[in-house]
């Protein structure tokens, strides 16, 4: 190992340590004329950490690729992989998902840090109101049916699903998840990692799982009609199915599933609960939401942003008899939203306003993420 190799290794380890210290969810390594610009996503926001000296970018990329066992010679095509990181380079324990992308000035790399433990998985700590939590736990107590968790990428859907699985762990059920990737290793859950290249897709894994005497099935994401159809068949045949879906809110998930090709009768007969969520930033306990401009001294807790940590805002829509009748009759999205208002099912913006009223987040933050 040359002296320059050693310098690159230490530079990258410093980046990793800073990312872990700030509880960053992602590390972005971005090229510009041979320089690597490093940005971290903390509490949903990207912020520049540092830049490498000139002409270091390719060496940093090679270092990351070696750790992720990617092809260091392939620079023209995107690559995906996984690697471990940690505070000590020789004892990494934290899983990361890595993606490379060729750009004008070189390869851009993004690492998603999957730094969660089963100790963080508690439905009571995810920001649900008492009524929302009661409705969701009631759905989880059902022997069969379909529970959907919706929201955009990065809204904490998978964390909510893991928390649901942990709620269901009582030693009497066969719990199995099908994921891409596996973000948390859960004791007591049979976890299947999707491998598209080998032919192990969500739908093929689901079909195989149906012969494994499952009680509860978690599907990491409903991406296509095949996966949706098999998942609904599982719910129809006596299993409790949990899955995520990209949708703006709970009622919109019905439209999204219909768009995929799921029949109205299947939706009405199998769905038992749909939730939607976003993550909003919480005021820093030291700054109380004040930024650097409002404070005489910089805050080391929140890096002078005024915010530290996030919590969920939710919409929880239990599918009762009245809604089943509406769904089967092909009710419009407008009609279902009207039903939600008349039934006092609060939407995401109303959930966010509860946090504003408690003084734990700002009006601007609530409006930005609840829209």
Protein backbone atom coordinates (compact mmCIF):
# COMPACT_ATOMS: atom_id res chain seq x y z
CA UNK A 1 0.00 0.00 0.00
CA UNK A 2 1.40 3.39 -1.01
CA UNK A 3 1.37 6.48 1.17
CA UNK A 4 -1.28 8.05 -1.09
CA UNK A 5 -3.49 4.96 -0.75
CA UNK A 6 -3.25 5.35 3.01
CA UNK A 7 -4.29 9.00 2.75
CA UNK A 8 -7.34 8.08 0.62
CA UNK A 9 -8.36 5.38 3.12
CA UNK A 10 -8.17 7.84 6.02
CA UNK A 11 -10.05 10.53 4.06
CA UNK A 12 -12.90 8.13 3.31
CA UNK A 13 -13.00 6.86 6.91
CA UNK A 14 -13.29 10.45 8.15
CA UNK A 15 -16.30 10.91 5.84
CA UNK A 16 -17.89 7.71 7.16
CA UNK A 17 -17.30 8.73 10.79
CA UNK A 18 -18.89 12.13 10.22
CA UNK A 19 -21.88 10.53 8.49
CA UNK A 20 -22.43 8.16 11.40
CA UNK A 21 -21.97 10.89 14.01
CA UNK A 22 -24.63 13.07 12.38
CA UNK A 23 -26.97 10.09 11.77
CA UNK A 24 -26.93 10.80 8.03
CA UNK A 25 -29.17 8.62 5.86
CA UNK A 26 -27.09 9.06 2.67
CA UNK A 27 -23.58 9.96 1.54
CA UNK A 28 -23.27 11.62 -1.88
CA UNK A 29 -19.89 11.56 -3.64
CA UNK A 30 -20.10 13.96 -6.57
CA UNK A 31 -17.38 14.60 -9.17
CA UNK A 32 -16.31 17.92 -10.59
CA UNK A 33 -13.06 18.22 -12.59
CA UNK A 34 -11.30 15.52 -10.57
CA UNK A 35 -12.56 16.73 -7.19
CA UNK A 36 -14.99 14.79 -5.01
CA UNK A 37 -17.64 16.94 -3.34
CA UNK A 38 -19.07 15.07 -0.35
CA UNK A 39 -22.59 15.84 0.85
CA UNK A 40 -24.58 14.20 3.64
CA UNK A 41 -28.35 13.91 3.89
CA UNK A 42 -29.31 14.59 7.50
CA UNK A 43 -32.97 14.81 8.55
CA UNK A 44 -33.97 14.83 4.90
CA UNK A 45 -31.70 17.71 3.83
CA UNK A 46 -28.45 17.56 1.87
CA UNK A 47 -25.55 19.59 3.22
CA UNK A 48 -21.98 19.80 1.99
CA UNK A 49 -19.45 18.13 4.27
CA UNK A 50 -16.13 18.57 2.44
CA UNK A 51 -14.31 18.38 -0.87
CA UNK A 52 -11.30 16.26 -1.70
CA UNK A 53 -8.04 17.64 -3.06
CA UNK A 54 -7.78 17.90 -6.83
CA UNK A 55 -7.56 14.66 -8.84
CA UNK A 56 -8.68 12.45 -5.96
CA UNK A 57 -12.12 11.54 -7.24
CA UNK A 58 -11.20 8.40 -9.19
CA UNK A 59 -9.14 7.09 -6.26
CA UNK A 60 -12.04 7.64 -3.85
CA UNK A 61 -14.42 5.92 -6.25
CA UNK A 62 -12.05 2.96 -6.59
CA UNK A 63 -11.78 2.70 -2.80
CA UNK A 64 -15.57 2.56 -2.41
CA UNK A 65 -15.95 0.08 -5.27
CA UNK A 66 -13.36 -2.25 -3.76
CA UNK A 67 -15.20 -2.19 -0.42
CA UNK A 68 -18.49 -2.88 -2.22
CA UNK A 69 -16.97 -5.59 -4.44
CA UNK A 70 -17.97 -3.74 -7.61
CA UNK A 71 -16.09 -3.76 -10.91
CA UNK A 72 -13.56 -0.94 -10.64
CA UNK A 73 -12.85 -1.13 -14.38
CA UNK A 74 -16.50 -0.52 -15.35
CA UNK A 75 -17.02 3.24 -15.53
CA UNK A 76 -19.52 3.53 -18.39
CA UNK A 77 -22.50 1.73 -16.83
CA UNK A 78 -24.31 2.14 -13.49
CA UNK A 79 -23.62 -0.45 -10.81
CA UNK A 80 -25.47 -1.38 -7.63
CA UNK A 81 -24.15 -3.19 -4.60
CA UNK A 82 -23.84 -3.32 -0.84
CA UNK A 83 -21.03 -2.75 1.64
CA UNK A 84 -20.38 -2.46 5.35
CA UNK A 85 -19.12 0.65 7.12
CA UNK A 86 -18.28 1.47 10.74
CA UNK A 87 -16.35 3.78 13.03
CA UNK A 88 -13.43 1.36 12.65
CA UNK A 89 -12.50 0.45 9.07
CA UNK A 90 -11.39 -3.05 10.08
CA UNK A 91 -14.63 -3.86 11.97
CA UNK A 92 -17.53 -2.55 9.86
CA UNK A 93 -20.99 -3.53 11.04
CA UNK A 94 -23.44 -1.12 9.38
CA UNK A 95 -24.94 -2.12 6.05
CA UNK A 96 -25.07 0.32 3.12
CA UNK A 97 -26.69 0.19 -0.27
CA UNK A 98 -24.46 1.68 -2.97
CA UNK A 99 -25.29 3.03 -6.41
CA UNK A 100 -22.91 4.38 -9.06
CA UNK A 101 -23.88 6.59 -12.00
CA UNK A 102 -21.65 7.85 -14.86
CA UNK A 103 -21.83 11.64 -15.18
CA UNK A 104 -20.05 14.27 -17.27
CA UNK A 105 -17.11 14.61 -14.86
CA UNK A 106 -16.92 11.04 -13.59
CA UNK A 107 -18.90 8.54 -11.55
CA UNK A 108 -21.29 9.82 -8.91
CA UNK A 109 -21.78 7.50 -5.95
CA UNK A 110 -24.59 7.47 -3.41
CA UNK A 111 -24.51 5.32 -0.28
CA UNK A 112 -27.78 4.73 1.58
CA UNK A 113 -26.88 3.98 5.20
CA UNK A 114 -29.17 1.29 6.60
CA UNK A 115 -28.33 2.16 10.19
CA UNK A 116 -31.35 0.85 12.05
CA UNK A 117 -31.72 -1.66 14.86
CA UNK A 118 -34.74 -3.59 16.04
CA UNK A 119 -34.60 -1.55 19.25
CA UNK A 120 -35.83 1.48 17.27
CA UNK A 121 -38.93 -0.35 16.03
CA UNK A 122 -41.86 0.73 18.16
CA UNK A 123 -45.23 1.75 16.71
CA UNK A 124 -45.86 3.90 19.79
CA UNK A 125 -42.86 6.10 18.90
CA UNK A 126 -43.61 6.85 15.22
CA UNK A 127 -45.84 9.90 15.62
CA UNK A 128 -49.30 8.32 15.32
CA UNK A 129 -52.17 9.97 17.18
CA UNK A 130 -53.97 7.79 19.71
CA UNK A 131 -56.84 7.19 17.28
CA UNK A 132 -54.51 6.38 14.39
CA UNK A 133 -52.48 3.98 16.52
CA UNK A 134 -55.64 2.24 17.74
CA UNK A 135 -56.93 1.82 14.17
CA UNK A 136 -53.62 0.44 12.92
CA UNK A 137 -53.22 -1.98 15.83
CA UNK A 138 -56.78 -3.20 15.28
CA UNK A 139 -55.91 -3.96 11.63
CA UNK A 140 -52.77 -5.80 12.76
CA UNK A 141 -54.89 -7.98 15.03
CA UNK A 142 -56.81 -9.36 12.01
CA UNK A 143 -56.02 -12.90 10.89
CA UNK A 144 -56.14 -12.00 7.20
CA UNK A 145 -56.33 -9.02 4.90
CA UNK A 146 -54.12 -6.38 3.32
CA UNK A 147 -52.48 -3.45 5.13
CA UNK A 148 -50.81 -0.82 2.91
CA UNK A 149 -48.28 1.80 4.00
CA UNK A 150 -47.93 4.57 1.41
CA UNK A 151 -45.74 7.59 0.82
CA UNK A 152 -42.83 8.79 -1.33
CA UNK A 153 -39.28 7.48 -1.17
CA UNK A 154 -37.62 8.42 2.11
CA UNK A 155 -40.85 8.89 4.08
CA UNK A 156 -40.15 6.08 6.56
CA UNK A 157 -42.56 3.50 5.13
CA UNK A 158 -40.22 0.54 5.63
CA UNK A 159 -39.51 1.58 9.22
CA UNK A 160 -43.26 1.53 9.88
CA UNK A 161 -43.59 -1.93 8.31
CA UNK A 162 -40.74 -3.28 10.45
CA UNK A 163 -42.42 -1.82 13.52
CA UNK A 164 -45.66 -3.58 12.51
CA UNK A 165 -43.78 -6.88 12.22
CA UNK A 166 -42.23 -6.40 15.65
CA UNK A 167 -45.70 -5.69 17.05
CA UNK A 168 -46.84 -9.05 15.66
CA UNK A 169 -43.97 -11.09 17.13
CA UNK A 170 -45.40 -13.35 19.80
CA UNK A 171 -43.77 -16.68 18.94
CA UNK A 172 -46.98 -18.20 17.51
CA UNK A 173 -46.80 -16.91 13.93
CA UNK A 174 -44.70 -17.63 10.85
CA UNK A 175 -43.57 -14.14 9.79
CA UNK A 176 -41.77 -13.74 6.46
CA UNK A 177 -40.63 -10.64 4.59
CA UNK A 178 -39.61 -10.18 0.95
CA UNK A 179 -37.37 -7.14 0.61
CA UNK A 180 -35.01 -5.25 -1.67
CA UNK A 181 -32.81 -4.62 0.24
CA UNK A 182 -33.12 -6.04 3.76
CA UNK A 183 -32.67 -2.91 5.88
CA UNK A 184 -32.89 -4.40 9.37
CA UNK A 185 -32.16 -7.97 10.41
CA UNK A 186 -35.12 -8.97 12.56
CA UNK A 187 -34.90 -11.97 14.85
CA UNK A 188 -38.03 -14.04 14.51
CA UNK A 189 -38.70 -13.03 10.90
CA UNK A 190 -37.72 -15.11 7.85
CA UNK A 191 -36.30 -12.45 5.56
CA UNK A 192 -35.92 -13.00 1.81
CA UNK A 193 -33.65 -10.72 -0.24
CA UNK A 194 -34.93 -10.17 -3.78
CA UNK A 195 -32.36 -10.96 -6.47
CA UNK A 196 -33.66 -9.81 -9.86
CA UNK A 197 -30.53 -10.92 -11.72
CA UNK A 198 -30.96 -14.47 -10.46
CA UNK A 199 -34.69 -14.44 -11.26
CA UNK A 200 -35.86 -14.05 -7.65
CA UNK A 201 -38.41 -11.26 -8.09
CA UNK A 202 -41.04 -10.12 -5.62
CA UNK A 203 -43.77 -12.12 -7.36
CA UNK A 204 -41.72 -15.34 -7.68
CA UNK A 205 -40.64 -15.13 -4.03
CA UNK A 206 -44.27 -14.57 -3.02
CA UNK A 207 -45.45 -17.63 -4.94
CA UNK A 208 -42.77 -19.78 -3.30
CA UNK A 209 -43.61 -18.34 0.10
CA UNK A 210 -47.23 -19.41 -0.24
CA UNK A 211 -46.02 -23.01 0.09
CA UNK A 212 -44.18 -22.19 3.33
CA UNK A 213 -47.25 -22.04 5.63
CA UNK A 214 -46.98 -18.28 6.33
CA UNK A 215 -49.19 -16.36 8.74
CA UNK A 216 -47.88 -12.86 8.07
CA UNK A 217 -46.21 -11.71 4.84
CA UNK A 218 -44.41 -8.42 4.38
CA UNK A 219 -43.77 -7.27 0.81
CA UNK A 220 -41.16 -4.52 0.68
CA UNK A 221 -42.85 -2.73 -2.23
CA UNK A 222 -45.73 -3.26 -4.65
CA UNK A 223 -44.03 -2.34 -7.93
CA UNK A 224 -46.09 -4.03 -10.62
CA UNK A 225 -49.31 -5.88 -11.37
CA UNK A 226 -47.77 -9.36 -10.94
CA UNK A 227 -46.61 -8.60 -7.42
CA UNK A 228 -49.91 -6.90 -6.55
CA UNK A 229 -51.96 -9.83 -7.84
CA UNK A 230 -50.03 -12.46 -5.89
CA UNK A 231 -50.12 -10.29 -2.75
CA UNK A 232 -53.90 -9.91 -2.99
CA UNK A 233 -54.25 -13.65 -3.59
CA UNK A 234 -52.29 -14.22 -0.38
CA UNK A 235 -54.66 -11.93 1.51
CA UNK A 236 -57.66 -13.71 -0.03
CA UNK A 237 -56.43 -17.13 1.05
CA UNK A 238 -56.15 -16.40 4.77
CA UNK A 239 -52.91 -14.48 5.28
CA UNK A 240 -52.15 -11.07 6.74
CA UNK A 241 -50.19 -9.12 4.12
CA UNK A 242 -48.28 -5.89 4.75
CA UNK A 243 -46.77 -3.88 1.91
CA UNK A 244 -45.64 -0.43 0.81
CA UNK A 245 -46.87 1.49 -2.20
CA UNK A 246 -46.00 4.88 -3.68
CA UNK A 247 -49.08 7.11 -3.34
CA UNK A 248 -49.72 10.69 -2.23
CA UNK A 249 -52.13 9.78 0.56
CA UNK A 250 -54.30 6.90 1.76
CA UNK A 251 -57.30 7.42 -0.59
CA UNK A 252 -54.92 7.86 -3.58
CA UNK A 253 -53.57 4.34 -2.95
CA UNK A 254 -56.94 2.97 -4.13
CA UNK A 255 -56.58 4.81 -7.43
CA UNK A 256 -52.96 3.62 -7.76
CA UNK A 257 -53.95 -0.02 -7.26
CA UNK A 258 -56.78 0.30 -9.77
CA UNK A 259 -54.28 1.84 -12.20
CA UNK A 260 -52.05 -1.21 -11.73
CA UNK A 261 -54.97 -3.45 -12.67
CA UNK A 262 -56.39 -4.71 -9.37
CA UNK A 263 -60.18 -5.20 -9.54
CA UNK A 264 -62.61 -3.22 -7.39
CA UNK A 265 -63.96 -6.40 -5.77
CA UNK A 266 -60.43 -7.45 -4.75
CA UNK A 267 -59.78 -4.03 -3.23
CA UNK A 268 -63.08 -3.99 -1.36
CA UNK A 269 -62.85 -7.54 -0.05
CA UNK A 270 -59.20 -7.62 1.05
CA UNK A 271 -57.98 -4.18 2.13
CA UNK A 272 -58.34 -3.64 5.88
CA UNK A 273 -56.23 -0.51 6.40
CA UNK A 274 -54.29 2.05 4.33
CA UNK A 275 -51.85 4.47 5.91
CA UNK A 276 -49.92 7.37 4.41
CA UNK A 277 -46.98 9.19 5.93
CA UNK A 278 -44.29 11.84 5.65
CA UNK A 279 -41.40 12.82 7.93
CA UNK A 280 -41.12 16.32 9.41
CA UNK A 281 -38.12 17.79 11.18
CA UNK A 282 -38.34 18.54 14.89
CA UNK A 283 -36.98 21.61 16.63
CA UNK A 284 -33.55 21.21 18.18
CA UNK A 285 -33.96 20.89 21.95
CA UNK A 286 -31.16 23.38 22.48
CA UNK A 287 -31.99 25.99 19.80
CA UNK A 288 -35.77 25.58 19.92
CA UNK A 289 -35.90 26.04 16.17
CA UNK A 290 -33.67 29.09 15.93
CA UNK A 291 -31.11 29.21 13.14
CA UNK A 292 -27.59 30.62 13.23
CA UNK A 293 -28.92 34.08 12.32
CA UNK A 294 -31.07 34.12 15.47
CA UNK A 295 -28.44 32.70 17.85
CA UNK A 296 -25.31 34.45 18.99
CA UNK A 297 -23.38 31.18 19.22
CA UNK A 298 -23.47 28.26 16.74
CA UNK A 299 -25.25 25.14 17.95
CA UNK A 300 -23.22 21.93 17.95
CA UNK A 301 -26.31 19.79 18.50
CA UNK A 302 -28.08 20.62 15.24
CA UNK A 303 -25.20 22.18 13.28
CA UNK A 304 -27.07 25.49 13.61
CA UNK A 305 -30.01 24.41 11.47
CA UNK A 306 -32.53 24.80 14.29
CA UNK A 307 -33.78 21.23 13.76
CA UNK A 308 -32.67 17.84 15.05
CA UNK A 309 -34.41 14.55 14.31
CA UNK A 310 -37.68 13.77 12.55
CA UNK A 311 -41.02 12.21 13.33
CA UNK A 312 -43.88 10.93 11.24
CA UNK A 313 -47.13 12.57 10.29
CA UNK A 314 -49.78 10.07 9.27
CA UNK A 315 -53.15 9.40 7.73
CA UNK A 316 -54.71 6.10 8.80
CA UNK A 317 -57.73 4.92 6.83
CA UNK A 318 -59.46 1.80 8.21
CA UNK A 319 -61.51 0.05 5.53
CA UNK A 320 -64.93 -0.47 7.14
CA UNK A 321 -68.23 -1.68 5.68
CA UNK A 322 -69.24 1.72 4.31
CA UNK A 323 -65.93 2.16 2.51
CA UNK A 324 -66.08 -1.35 1.09
CA UNK A 325 -69.45 -0.54 -0.47
CA UNK A 326 -68.05 2.71 -1.91
CA UNK A 327 -64.93 1.02 -3.30
CA UNK A 328 -66.86 -1.81 -4.91
CA UNK A 329 -69.24 0.71 -6.48
CA UNK A 330 -66.29 2.57 -8.02
CA UNK A 331 -66.54 5.72 -5.87
CA UNK A 332 -64.41 8.64 -7.04
CA UNK A 333 -61.37 9.87 -5.15
CA UNK A 334 -63.31 13.04 -4.33
CA UNK A 335 -66.11 11.00 -2.77
CA UNK A 336 -63.70 8.99 -0.66
CA UNK A 337 -61.92 12.14 0.52
CA UNK A 338 -65.31 13.58 1.48
CA UNK A 339 -66.06 10.39 3.43
CA UNK A 340 -62.73 10.75 5.27
CA UNK A 341 -63.56 14.33 6.30
CA UNK A 342 -67.06 13.38 7.47
CA UNK A 343 -65.60 10.44 9.46
CA UNK A 344 -62.95 12.67 11.10
CA UNK A 345 -60.06 10.77 9.52
CA UNK A 346 -57.38 13.44 9.60
CA UNK A 347 -55.15 13.94 6.56
CA UNK A 348 -51.41 14.60 6.47
CA UNK A 349 -51.69 18.37 6.75
CA UNK A 350 -53.99 18.10 9.75
CA UNK A 351 -51.60 15.63 11.35
CA UNK A 352 -48.75 18.09 10.79
CA UNK A 353 -50.74 20.93 12.35
CA UNK A 354 -51.05 18.90 15.54
CA UNK A 355 -47.24 18.98 15.83
CA UNK A 356 -47.19 22.72 15.15
CA UNK A 357 -49.75 23.18 17.91
CA UNK A 358 -47.52 21.23 20.30
CA UNK A 359 -44.63 23.58 19.47
CA UNK A 360 -42.29 20.83 18.23
CA UNK A 361 -42.00 21.91 14.58
CA UNK A 362 -42.53 25.01 12.46
CA UNK A 363 -45.45 25.97 10.25
CA UNK A 364 -43.13 26.15 7.23
CA UNK A 365 -41.81 22.65 7.92
CA UNK A 366 -45.31 21.24 8.33
CA UNK A 367 -46.58 22.77 5.09
CA UNK A 368 -43.51 21.67 3.13
CA UNK A 369 -43.84 18.00 3.94
CA UNK A 370 -47.59 17.67 4.32
CA UNK A 371 -48.41 19.03 0.87
